[in-house]
N, C-alpha and C. Protein backbone atom coordinates (compact mmCIF):
# COMPACT_ATOMS: atom_id res chain seq x y z
N MET A 1 0.78 -1.62 -0.09
CA MET A 1 0.21 -0.24 0.05
C MET A 1 0.80 1.39 -0.32
N ARG A 2 0.31 2.25 -1.16
CA ARG A 2 1.00 3.46 -1.03
C ARG A 2 1.10 4.07 0.05
N ALA A 3 2.48 4.89 0.89
CA ALA A 3 2.25 5.65 2.12
C ALA A 3 1.27 6.81 1.81
N PRO A 4 0.26 7.47 2.58
CA PRO A 4 0.14 8.57 2.63
C PRO A 4 0.36 9.80 2.45
N THR A 5 0.40 11.11 1.86
CA THR A 5 1.22 12.34 2.33
C THR A 5 0.92 12.78 3.31
N PRO A 6 1.57 13.51 4.51
CA PRO A 6 0.97 13.84 5.13
C PRO A 6 -0.37 14.85 5.90
N THR A 7 -0.27 15.30 4.22
CA THR A 7 -1.92 15.69 4.64
C THR A 7 -2.82 14.91 4.15
N SER A 8 -2.52 13.70 3.85
CA SER A 8 -4.00 12.68 3.25
C SER A 8 -4.53 12.59 4.25
N PRO A 9 -5.53 12.15 5.12
CA PRO A 9 -6.42 11.71 5.76
C PRO A 9 -5.84 9.74 6.06
N LEU A 10 -5.60 9.34 6.50
CA LEU A 10 -4.77 7.65 6.37
C LEU A 10 -6.40 7.04 6.62
N PRO A 11 -6.12 6.13 5.31
CA PRO A 11 -7.64 5.41 5.19
C PRO A 11 -7.45 4.02 6.23
N TRP A 12 -8.88 3.38 6.60
CA TRP A 12 -8.93 2.51 7.99
C TRP A 12 -8.62 1.04 6.96
N VAL A 13 -7.80 -0.21 7.39
CA VAL A 13 -8.22 -1.38 6.92
C VAL A 13 -8.76 -2.05 8.52
N VAL A 14 -10.04 -2.06 7.46
CA VAL A 14 -11.08 -2.79 8.88
C VAL A 14 -11.85 -4.27 8.32
N PRO A 15 -11.45 -5.56 8.61
CA PRO A 15 -10.20 -6.04 9.10
C PRO A 15 -9.36 -6.24 7.97
N ALA A 16 -7.99 -6.41 7.93
CA ALA A 16 -7.02 -7.33 7.04
C ALA A 16 -7.10 -8.54 7.80
N VAL A 17 -7.41 -9.74 6.86
CA VAL A 17 -7.73 -11.55 6.97
C VAL A 17 -6.69 -11.94 6.23
N VAL A 18 -6.12 -13.16 6.95
CA VAL A 18 -4.74 -14.31 7.01
C VAL A 18 -5.81 -14.99 7.12
N ALA A 19 -6.38 -16.00 6.49
CA ALA A 19 -6.59 -17.37 6.46
C ALA A 19 -5.65 -18.58 5.99
N ASN A 20 -5.01 -19.37 7.07
CA ASN A 20 -4.49 -20.68 6.53
C ASN A 20 -4.95 -21.76 7.03
N TYR A 21 -5.34 -22.73 6.16
CA TYR A 21 -5.13 -23.88 6.21
C TYR A 21 -4.24 -25.02 6.06
N GLY A 22 -3.80 -26.19 6.79
CA GLY A 22 -1.95 -26.68 6.62
C GLY A 22 -2.64 -28.21 6.47
N PHE A 23 -2.67 -28.54 4.92
CA PHE A 23 -2.96 -30.14 4.21
C PHE A 23 -2.09 -30.80 5.66
N ASN A 24 -1.09 -30.61 5.86
CA ASN A 24 0.21 -31.24 6.33
C ASN A 24 1.11 -30.47 7.14
N PRO A 25 2.06 -30.92 8.16
CA PRO A 25 3.07 -30.22 8.79
C PRO A 25 3.63 -29.10 7.64
N ASP A 26 4.39 -30.05 6.48
CA ASP A 26 4.98 -28.67 5.90
C ASP A 26 3.84 -27.78 4.92
N ARG A 27 3.28 -28.01 4.28
CA ARG A 27 2.41 -27.27 3.47
C ARG A 27 0.99 -26.94 3.89
N GLU A 28 0.60 -25.50 3.20
CA GLU A 28 -0.54 -24.81 3.78
C GLU A 28 -1.42 -23.79 2.56
N VAL A 29 -1.98 -23.93 2.47
CA VAL A 29 -2.70 -22.65 1.72
C VAL A 29 -3.23 -21.65 2.57
N ILE A 30 -3.00 -20.18 1.63
CA ILE A 30 -3.34 -19.04 2.36
C ILE A 30 -4.02 -18.05 1.22
N LEU A 31 -5.43 -18.00 2.02
CA LEU A 31 -6.14 -16.90 1.46
C LEU A 31 -5.96 -15.55 2.31
N GLU A 32 -6.20 -14.29 1.48
CA GLU A 32 -6.17 -12.96 2.06
C GLU A 32 -6.85 -11.76 1.58
N GLY A 33 -7.00 -10.98 2.39
CA GLY A 33 -7.59 -9.73 1.86
C GLY A 33 -7.63 -8.86 2.60
N LYS A 34 -7.63 -7.25 2.62
CA LYS A 34 -7.63 -6.46 3.66
C LYS A 34 -9.39 -5.13 3.29
N LEU A 35 -9.83 -5.29 3.82
CA LEU A 35 -11.20 -4.13 4.09
C LEU A 35 -10.74 -2.64 3.80
N VAL A 36 -10.89 -2.35 3.15
CA VAL A 36 -10.63 -0.67 3.56
C VAL A 36 -11.18 0.73 3.56
N ALA A 37 -11.48 1.31 4.16
CA ALA A 37 -12.46 2.49 4.50
C ALA A 37 -11.76 3.48 3.78
N MET A 38 -11.57 3.85 2.64
CA MET A 38 -11.44 5.51 2.36
C MET A 38 -11.65 6.67 2.77
N ARG A 39 -11.33 7.78 3.51
CA ARG A 39 -11.56 8.57 4.10
C ARG A 39 -11.30 9.98 3.69
N ASP A 40 -11.10 9.68 2.34
CA ASP A 40 -10.85 11.27 1.38
C ASP A 40 -11.08 10.67 0.09
N ALA A 41 -12.49 10.19 -0.12
CA ALA A 41 -12.73 9.00 -1.51
C ALA A 41 -13.63 10.44 -2.02
N ALA A 42 -13.46 10.67 -3.21
CA ALA A 42 -13.73 11.39 -4.46
C ALA A 42 -15.23 11.27 -4.34
N PRO A 43 -15.93 12.24 -4.35
CA PRO A 43 -17.56 12.31 -4.77
C PRO A 43 -18.08 11.05 -6.00
N HIS A 44 -18.89 10.37 -5.70
CA HIS A 44 -19.65 9.30 -6.60
C HIS A 44 -18.36 8.57 -6.81
N SER A 45 -17.83 8.13 -5.93
CA SER A 45 -17.14 6.61 -5.63
C SER A 45 -17.27 6.07 -4.40
N SER A 46 -17.22 4.91 -4.42
CA SER A 46 -16.97 4.09 -3.02
C SER A 46 -16.33 4.61 -2.30
N ARG A 47 -16.44 4.52 -0.76
CA ARG A 47 -15.45 4.62 0.32
C ARG A 47 -15.20 3.44 0.69
N TRP A 48 -15.62 2.42 -0.30
CA TRP A 48 -14.86 0.64 0.33
C TRP A 48 -14.18 0.18 -0.73
N ALA A 49 -13.21 -0.53 -0.17
CA ALA A 49 -12.49 -1.39 -1.35
C ALA A 49 -11.78 -2.71 -0.45
N LEU A 50 -11.75 -3.50 -1.66
CA LEU A 50 -11.32 -4.69 -0.73
C LEU A 50 -10.04 -4.71 -1.28
N GLU A 51 -8.60 -4.95 -1.10
CA GLU A 51 -7.31 -4.86 -1.22
C GLU A 51 -6.31 -6.05 -1.02
N SER A 52 -5.41 -5.67 -1.70
CA SER A 52 -4.25 -7.48 -1.47
C SER A 52 -4.87 -8.24 -1.18
N THR A 53 -5.82 -8.85 -2.28
CA THR A 53 -6.33 -10.18 -1.98
C THR A 53 -5.20 -10.68 -2.87
N ALA A 54 -5.05 -11.99 -2.15
CA ALA A 54 -3.90 -13.37 -2.47
C ALA A 54 -4.12 -14.89 -2.33
N LEU A 55 -4.30 -15.75 -2.98
CA LEU A 55 -4.40 -17.20 -2.64
C LEU A 55 -3.48 -17.97 -2.88
N SER A 56 -2.26 -18.31 -2.09
CA SER A 56 -1.17 -18.64 -2.19
C SER A 56 -0.85 -20.43 -1.59
N ILE A 57 0.25 -20.67 -1.99
CA ILE A 57 0.29 -22.06 -0.90
C ILE A 57 2.09 -21.75 -0.97
N ALA A 58 2.05 -22.01 1.09
CA ALA A 58 3.25 -22.17 1.54
C ALA A 58 3.90 -23.30 1.62
N GLN A 59 5.06 -23.73 1.32
CA GLN A 59 6.13 -24.78 1.61
C GLN A 59 7.26 -24.67 2.32
N ILE A 60 7.67 -25.98 2.79
CA ILE A 60 8.75 -25.95 4.15
C ILE A 60 9.59 -26.84 2.93
N PHE A 61 10.86 -26.68 2.55
CA PHE A 61 12.17 -27.35 2.17
C PHE A 61 12.45 -27.71 2.92
N ARG A 62 13.07 -27.43 3.86
CA ARG A 62 13.82 -27.73 5.08
C ARG A 62 13.48 -27.66 6.56
N ARG A 63 13.45 -28.71 6.69
CA ARG A 63 13.03 -28.60 8.52
C ARG A 63 13.87 -27.77 9.55
N GLY A 64 13.92 -26.94 10.04
CA GLY A 64 15.31 -26.35 10.85
C GLY A 64 14.45 -26.25 12.33
N SER A 65 15.64 -25.52 12.57
CA SER A 65 15.35 -24.56 14.16
C SER A 65 14.04 -24.33 14.99
N LEU A 66 13.03 -24.17 13.51
CA LEU A 66 11.50 -23.30 13.86
C LEU A 66 10.50 -24.56 14.31
N GLN A 67 11.18 -26.05 13.16
CA GLN A 67 10.89 -27.06 13.84
C GLN A 67 11.68 -27.90 14.94
N GLU A 68 12.12 -27.13 15.64
CA GLU A 68 12.72 -27.97 16.46
C GLU A 68 13.71 -29.03 16.57
N GLN A 69 14.42 -28.64 15.11
CA GLN A 69 15.42 -29.41 14.20
C GLN A 69 16.39 -28.44 14.28
N GLU A 70 17.65 -29.11 13.61
CA GLU A 70 19.02 -28.05 13.90
C GLU A 70 18.86 -27.46 12.37
N GLY A 71 19.70 -26.42 12.67
CA GLY A 71 19.93 -25.02 11.32
C GLY A 71 19.25 -24.88 11.28
N ILE A 72 18.87 -23.90 9.56
CA ILE A 72 18.20 -23.22 8.99
C ILE A 72 16.89 -23.66 8.43
N SER A 73 15.96 -22.84 8.59
CA SER A 73 14.26 -23.16 8.37
C SER A 73 14.12 -22.70 6.65
N VAL A 74 14.12 -23.11 6.13
CA VAL A 74 13.91 -22.84 4.52
C VAL A 74 11.94 -22.98 4.01
N ALA A 75 11.27 -22.09 3.61
CA ALA A 75 10.08 -22.30 3.31
C ALA A 75 10.24 -21.29 2.08
N GLY A 76 8.87 -21.47 1.38
CA GLY A 76 8.36 -20.85 0.11
C GLY A 76 7.14 -20.69 0.23
N GLU A 77 6.63 -19.60 -0.39
CA GLU A 77 5.07 -19.00 -0.53
C GLU A 77 5.35 -18.35 -2.01
N CYS A 78 4.20 -19.12 -2.89
CA CYS A 78 3.75 -18.65 -3.74
C CYS A 78 2.82 -18.75 -4.42
N GLY A 79 2.21 -17.69 -4.83
CA GLY A 79 0.49 -17.57 -4.90
C GLY A 79 -0.13 -16.61 -6.51
N LEU A 80 -1.41 -16.48 -6.58
CA LEU A 80 -1.80 -15.70 -7.23
C LEU A 80 -2.45 -14.56 -6.77
N LEU A 81 -2.05 -12.86 -7.34
CA LEU A 81 -2.73 -11.90 -6.47
C LEU A 81 -4.16 -12.04 -7.50
N LEU A 82 -5.45 -11.92 -6.81
CA LEU A 82 -6.18 -11.75 -7.17
C LEU A 82 -6.95 -10.45 -7.23
N PRO A 83 -7.78 -10.14 -8.34
CA PRO A 83 -9.03 -9.30 -8.73
C PRO A 83 -9.40 -8.73 -7.21
N THR A 84 -9.04 -7.21 -7.44
CA THR A 84 -9.51 -6.64 -5.94
C THR A 84 -11.24 -5.82 -5.86
N ILE A 85 -11.61 -5.09 -5.14
CA ILE A 85 -12.99 -4.72 -5.46
C ILE A 85 -12.45 -3.18 -4.91
N HIS A 86 -13.07 -2.29 -6.17
CA HIS A 86 -12.95 -0.84 -5.92
C HIS A 86 -11.53 -0.36 -6.08
N ALA A 87 -10.55 -1.40 -6.66
CA ALA A 87 -9.07 -1.16 -6.64
C ALA A 87 -8.31 -1.60 -7.55
N GLU A 88 -7.67 -2.93 -7.54
CA GLU A 88 -6.73 -2.88 -8.80
C GLU A 88 -7.63 -4.25 -9.44
N HIS A 89 -7.62 -4.05 -10.71
CA HIS A 89 -8.18 -4.90 -11.27
C HIS A 89 -6.95 -5.84 -12.04
N GLY A 90 -7.14 -7.05 -12.84
CA GLY A 90 -6.48 -8.13 -13.57
C GLY A 90 -5.71 -9.18 -11.76
N VAL A 91 -5.20 -9.68 -12.44
CA VAL A 91 -4.02 -10.63 -12.00
C VAL A 91 -3.20 -10.82 -11.76
N GLY A 92 -2.05 -10.77 -10.95
CA GLY A 92 -0.79 -11.58 -10.46
C GLY A 92 -0.35 -12.32 -10.18
N ALA A 93 1.29 -12.27 -9.89
CA ALA A 93 1.41 -13.85 -9.41
C ALA A 93 2.73 -13.06 -8.08
N THR A 94 3.09 -13.79 -7.30
CA THR A 94 4.30 -13.74 -6.26
C THR A 94 4.68 -14.67 -5.87
N CYS A 95 5.83 -14.45 -5.46
CA CYS A 95 7.18 -15.71 -4.66
C CYS A 95 7.99 -15.11 -3.83
N ILE A 96 7.96 -16.21 -2.94
CA ILE A 96 8.67 -15.54 -2.00
C ILE A 96 9.67 -16.41 -1.31
N LEU A 97 10.47 -16.62 -0.74
CA LEU A 97 11.77 -17.37 0.22
C LEU A 97 12.12 -16.71 1.24
N ILE A 98 11.79 -17.88 2.31
CA ILE A 98 11.86 -17.56 3.27
C ILE A 98 12.89 -18.29 3.91
N GLY A 99 13.86 -17.12 4.81
CA GLY A 99 15.02 -18.29 5.92
C GLY A 99 15.17 -18.31 7.58
N SER A 100 14.76 -18.81 8.24
CA SER A 100 14.47 -19.10 9.43
C SER A 100 15.51 -19.24 10.16
N GLU A 101 15.76 -18.75 11.50
CA GLU A 101 16.54 -19.11 12.29
C GLU A 101 16.58 -18.93 13.96
N ARG A 102 16.17 -19.78 14.64
CA ARG A 102 16.13 -19.34 16.15
C ARG A 102 17.20 -19.84 17.01
N TRP A 103 17.54 -19.29 17.46
CA TRP A 103 18.41 -19.12 19.12
C TRP A 103 17.96 -18.43 20.50
N PRO A 104 18.30 -19.29 21.17
CA PRO A 104 18.29 -19.02 22.50
C PRO A 104 17.75 -17.66 22.96
N ALA A 105 17.87 -16.49 22.26
CA ALA A 105 17.51 -15.39 22.78
C ALA A 105 17.37 -14.72 21.60
N THR A 106 17.13 -14.81 20.09
CA THR A 106 16.28 -14.10 19.17
C THR A 106 15.48 -15.34 18.20
N THR A 107 15.11 -14.58 17.43
CA THR A 107 14.91 -15.51 15.74
C THR A 107 14.59 -14.71 14.68
N LEU A 108 15.37 -14.89 14.05
CA LEU A 108 15.52 -13.89 12.77
C LEU A 108 15.32 -14.72 11.62
N HIS A 109 14.46 -14.10 11.07
CA HIS A 109 13.33 -14.22 9.19
C HIS A 109 13.91 -13.53 8.43
N VAL A 110 14.27 -14.33 7.64
CA VAL A 110 15.04 -13.32 6.07
C VAL A 110 13.82 -13.68 4.82
N ASN A 111 13.14 -12.55 3.90
CA ASN A 111 12.49 -12.44 3.32
C ASN A 111 12.76 -12.34 2.18
N ALA A 112 12.82 -12.80 0.98
CA ALA A 112 13.47 -12.07 -0.79
C ALA A 112 11.77 -13.10 -1.44
N GLY A 113 11.77 -11.80 -2.32
CA GLY A 113 10.46 -12.86 -2.95
C GLY A 113 10.66 -11.46 -4.72
N ALA A 114 9.66 -11.59 -5.71
CA ALA A 114 9.12 -11.30 -6.65
C ALA A 114 7.94 -11.20 -6.76
N SER A 115 7.45 -9.81 -7.45
CA SER A 115 6.00 -10.15 -7.81
C SER A 115 5.46 -9.54 -9.13
N ARG A 116 4.95 -10.04 -9.93
CA ARG A 116 4.03 -9.70 -11.04
C ARG A 116 3.23 -9.11 -11.02
N THR A 117 3.17 -7.77 -10.72
CA THR A 117 1.78 -6.77 -10.40
C THR A 117 0.29 -7.30 -11.25
N ARG A 118 -0.72 -6.79 -10.81
CA ARG A 118 -1.24 -6.93 -11.29
C ARG A 118 -1.78 -5.54 -12.92
N GLU A 119 -0.67 -4.67 -12.71
CA GLU A 119 -0.71 -4.15 -13.75
C GLU A 119 0.79 -4.43 -14.61
N ASN A 120 1.04 -5.41 -14.33
CA ASN A 120 2.26 -6.25 -15.26
C ASN A 120 3.59 -5.54 -14.44
N ASP A 121 3.58 -5.29 -13.52
CA ASP A 121 5.16 -4.16 -13.84
C ASP A 121 6.12 -5.34 -12.60
N TRP A 122 7.03 -5.51 -12.78
CA TRP A 122 7.32 -6.45 -11.40
C TRP A 122 7.66 -5.66 -10.41
N THR A 123 8.04 -6.23 -9.26
CA THR A 123 8.20 -5.19 -8.01
C THR A 123 9.38 -6.60 -7.13
N GLN A 124 10.31 -5.86 -6.71
CA GLN A 124 11.00 -6.79 -5.42
C GLN A 124 11.22 -7.12 -4.26
N LEU A 125 11.41 -7.42 -3.23
CA LEU A 125 11.03 -7.19 -1.91
C LEU A 125 11.80 -7.63 -1.18
N LEU A 126 12.11 -7.28 -0.43
CA LEU A 126 13.14 -7.81 0.84
C LEU A 126 13.25 -7.22 2.52
N ASN A 127 13.03 -8.27 2.98
CA ASN A 127 12.59 -7.73 4.59
C ASN A 127 13.57 -9.05 5.28
N VAL A 128 13.56 -8.35 7.06
CA VAL A 128 14.32 -8.93 7.83
C VAL A 128 13.65 -8.45 8.99
N ILE A 129 13.13 -9.87 9.67
CA ILE A 129 12.12 -9.72 11.16
C ILE A 129 12.81 -10.31 12.21
N LEU A 130 13.57 -9.78 13.18
CA LEU A 130 13.83 -10.10 14.38
C LEU A 130 12.31 -10.34 15.77
N GLU A 131 12.37 -11.29 16.27
CA GLU A 131 11.67 -11.71 17.14
C GLU A 131 12.78 -11.77 18.29
N ALA A 132 12.07 -11.42 20.15
CA ALA A 132 12.63 -12.07 21.07
C ALA A 132 12.05 -13.44 21.36
N PRO A 133 12.55 -13.92 22.68
CA PRO A 133 12.36 -15.33 22.45
C PRO A 133 11.09 -15.67 22.30
N ASP A 134 10.62 -17.26 21.86
CA ASP A 134 9.69 -17.65 21.77
C ASP A 134 8.84 -18.39 23.03
N HIS A 135 9.73 -18.05 23.69
CA HIS A 135 9.01 -18.39 25.07
C HIS A 135 8.33 -17.44 25.97
N TRP A 136 8.85 -16.34 25.72
CA TRP A 136 8.58 -15.21 26.18
C TRP A 136 6.54 -15.09 26.27
N ARG A 137 6.29 -14.63 27.31
CA ARG A 137 4.52 -14.11 27.14
C ARG A 137 4.57 -13.14 26.33
N VAL A 138 5.31 -11.84 26.77
CA VAL A 138 4.99 -10.49 25.72
C VAL A 138 6.70 -10.27 24.92
N ARG A 139 6.24 -10.65 23.63
CA ARG A 139 7.55 -10.46 22.52
C ARG A 139 7.83 -9.17 22.00
N PRO A 140 8.66 -8.71 22.13
CA PRO A 140 8.81 -7.50 20.85
C PRO A 140 9.09 -7.86 19.91
N VAL A 141 9.19 -7.10 18.73
CA VAL A 141 9.32 -7.67 17.24
C VAL A 141 9.74 -6.81 16.37
N SER A 142 10.83 -6.90 15.24
CA SER A 142 10.92 -5.96 14.45
C SER A 142 11.18 -5.89 12.92
N GLU A 143 10.70 -5.05 12.40
CA GLU A 143 11.40 -5.79 10.88
C GLU A 143 11.42 -3.76 10.07
N LEU A 144 12.42 -4.74 9.27
CA LEU A 144 12.88 -3.80 7.82
C LEU A 144 12.21 -3.97 6.71
N SER A 145 12.23 -3.10 5.98
CA SER A 145 11.69 -3.79 4.42
C SER A 145 12.18 -2.96 3.59
N VAL A 146 12.51 -3.66 2.39
CA VAL A 146 12.27 -2.29 1.03
C VAL A 146 11.98 -3.31 0.17
N GLU A 147 10.92 -2.75 -0.43
CA GLU A 147 10.00 -3.06 -2.06
C GLU A 147 10.12 -1.82 -2.72
N ARG A 148 10.72 -2.44 -4.38
CA ARG A 148 11.49 -1.58 -5.50
C ARG A 148 10.43 -1.92 -6.61
N THR A 149 10.21 -1.08 -7.12
CA THR A 149 9.41 -1.67 -8.75
C THR A 149 10.27 -0.72 -9.48
N ALA A 150 10.09 -0.65 -10.24
CA ALA A 150 10.70 0.48 -11.73
C ALA A 150 10.25 1.51 -11.53
N THR A 151 9.46 2.14 -11.10
CA THR A 151 9.82 3.64 -10.72
C THR A 151 9.71 4.20 -9.49
N GLU A 152 9.88 3.27 -8.34
CA GLU A 152 10.17 3.93 -6.91
C GLU A 152 10.04 2.78 -6.15
N THR A 153 11.29 3.13 -4.80
CA THR A 153 11.24 2.14 -4.00
C THR A 153 10.93 2.80 -2.38
N VAL A 154 9.70 1.61 -1.93
CA VAL A 154 9.67 1.66 -0.67
C VAL A 154 10.08 1.17 0.32
N ARG A 155 10.39 1.93 1.72
CA ARG A 155 11.37 1.69 2.81
C ARG A 155 10.39 2.11 3.92
N GLY A 156 10.17 0.43 4.72
CA GLY A 156 9.49 0.54 5.96
C GLY A 156 10.17 0.03 7.21
N ALA A 157 10.10 0.43 8.25
CA ALA A 157 10.13 0.15 9.41
C ALA A 157 9.16 0.14 10.27
N LEU A 158 9.25 -1.31 11.09
CA LEU A 158 7.96 -1.59 12.10
C LEU A 158 8.93 -2.12 13.20
N LEU A 159 7.83 -1.46 14.82
CA LEU A 159 8.51 -1.65 16.05
C LEU A 159 6.90 -2.27 16.24
N GLY A 160 6.71 -3.66 17.06
CA GLY A 160 6.12 -3.89 17.88
C GLY A 160 5.81 -5.13 18.90
N LEU A 161 4.57 -5.63 19.55
CA LEU A 161 4.85 -6.62 20.47
C LEU A 161 3.83 -7.56 20.25
N ILE A 162 3.96 -8.79 20.78
CA ILE A 162 3.03 -9.83 20.72
C ILE A 162 2.70 -10.26 21.85
N TRP A 163 1.67 -10.35 22.39
CA TRP A 163 1.08 -11.13 23.88
C TRP A 163 0.41 -12.29 23.59
N THR A 164 1.33 -13.78 23.95
CA THR A 164 0.66 -14.71 23.88
C THR A 164 -0.36 -15.18 24.67
N ARG A 165 -1.86 -15.09 24.97
CA ARG A 165 -2.19 -14.99 25.72
C ARG A 165 -2.50 -16.84 26.18
N HIS A 166 -2.70 -17.47 25.11
CA HIS A 166 -2.63 -19.23 25.25
C HIS A 166 -2.26 -19.78 24.13
N GLU A 167 -2.19 -20.95 23.98
CA GLU A 167 -1.69 -21.43 22.66
C GLU A 167 -2.34 -21.56 21.71
N GLU A 168 -3.64 -21.38 21.71
CA GLU A 168 -4.38 -20.99 21.00
C GLU A 168 -4.53 -19.34 20.17
N LEU A 169 -3.93 -18.46 20.99
CA LEU A 169 -4.26 -17.40 20.77
C LEU A 169 -3.24 -16.02 21.19
N ALA A 170 -2.98 -15.59 20.02
CA ALA A 170 -1.78 -14.33 20.07
C ALA A 170 -2.18 -12.87 20.20
N LEU A 171 -2.31 -11.99 21.07
CA LEU A 171 -2.18 -10.54 20.11
C LEU A 171 -1.37 -9.70 19.66
N ASP A 172 -1.61 -9.39 19.00
CA ASP A 172 -0.16 -8.40 18.77
C ASP A 172 -0.73 -6.63 18.38
N ALA A 173 0.41 -6.08 18.48
CA ALA A 173 0.03 -4.09 17.95
C ALA A 173 1.39 -3.94 17.55
N ALA A 174 1.19 -2.82 16.93
CA ALA A 174 2.78 -2.41 16.31
C ALA A 174 2.39 -1.26 15.68
N VAL A 175 3.57 -0.51 15.28
CA VAL A 175 3.46 1.66 14.82
C VAL A 175 4.21 0.89 13.57
N ARG A 176 4.04 1.51 12.19
CA ARG A 176 5.01 1.34 10.88
C ARG A 176 5.32 2.80 10.40
N TYR A 177 6.83 2.97 10.03
CA TYR A 177 6.68 3.80 9.58
C TYR A 177 7.17 3.63 7.30
N GLU A 178 6.68 4.73 6.40
CA GLU A 178 6.55 3.79 5.45
C GLU A 178 7.41 5.53 4.77
N THR A 179 8.16 5.33 3.61
CA THR A 179 9.23 6.27 3.13
C THR A 179 8.68 5.76 1.42
N ALA A 180 8.10 6.71 0.29
CA ALA A 180 8.69 6.56 -0.57
C ALA A 180 8.61 7.25 -1.87
N GLY A 181 9.75 7.85 -1.89
CA GLY A 181 10.05 8.62 -2.58
C GLY A 181 10.05 10.64 -1.81
N ASN A 182 8.92 11.40 -2.06
CA ASN A 182 8.78 12.55 -1.06
C ASN A 182 7.37 12.15 -0.52
N GLU A 183 7.14 10.53 -0.43
CA GLU A 183 6.48 10.68 0.37
C GLU A 183 6.50 9.70 1.21
N HIS A 184 6.01 9.86 2.88
CA HIS A 184 5.68 9.18 3.73
C HIS A 184 4.63 9.16 5.09
N GLY A 185 4.65 8.02 5.88
CA GLY A 185 3.23 7.85 6.20
C GLY A 185 3.64 6.95 7.53
N TRP A 186 2.42 6.99 8.46
CA TRP A 186 2.50 5.78 9.62
C TRP A 186 1.47 5.13 9.75
N GLU A 187 1.77 4.37 9.96
CA GLU A 187 0.72 3.08 10.12
C GLU A 187 0.49 2.55 11.98
N ILE A 188 -0.85 2.63 12.74
CA ILE A 188 -0.74 1.65 13.36
C ILE A 188 -1.74 0.67 13.38
N ARG A 189 -1.35 -1.04 13.70
CA ARG A 189 -1.71 -1.86 13.55
C ARG A 189 -2.13 -2.17 15.14
N ALA A 190 -3.21 -3.34 14.76
CA ALA A 190 -3.62 -4.23 15.96
C ALA A 190 -4.16 -5.51 15.49
N GLY A 191 -4.20 -6.66 16.22
CA GLY A 191 -4.93 -7.87 15.50
C GLY A 191 -4.88 -9.57 16.69
N PHE A 192 -4.71 -10.17 16.20
CA PHE A 192 -5.00 -11.35 16.65
C PHE A 192 -4.79 -12.45 16.30
N THR A 193 -4.29 -13.56 16.16
CA THR A 193 -3.76 -14.81 15.62
C THR A 193 -4.67 -15.87 16.51
N TRP A 194 -5.25 -16.30 15.56
CA TRP A 194 -6.36 -17.68 16.15
C TRP A 194 -5.49 -18.81 15.66
N THR A 195 -5.50 -20.13 16.49
CA THR A 195 -4.69 -21.16 15.75
C THR A 195 -5.70 -22.72 16.47
N ARG A 196 -6.05 -23.15 15.48
CA ARG A 196 -7.12 -24.11 15.82
C ARG A 196 -6.03 -25.69 15.33
């Protein structure tokens, strides 16, 4: 999502939903989307849009420290960018390679990938995520990201907390800052993860 200019009202994302279903311990299908309310919509246009719609499959290629084994965990996620409602039309594709390592003091994730957008442009993505130890009840998390297109580079930084209430429920909140050329903006995020 493009960061708003300082004078543009921030849109509300209510909600962003990611649904995962595991076929086996190493493979799952993911369906996601964001319902966005635009606070500065033009007259006679919809204030609502369904954005960031995607259907993908994630696969573990190497079982490592995230699976209670030794070494780096390696996974991939590839899928389709689906048509949106009152936003981008067309279909795109995306593929990401994920490397993760867990130590007693921290967990590190490095994600690198590329997308063919719905407008048939190429985008490259790199982000690094650092989490506090998994056994902490409340865990700080940080993320640095770079997304590059043919016309601009978007850089982002995130700081947040994940509160594990119990094995099935975790709550999270974060603040994210993003720049794209001369534009910049802040995001405030809150959500939960429910596992069955």
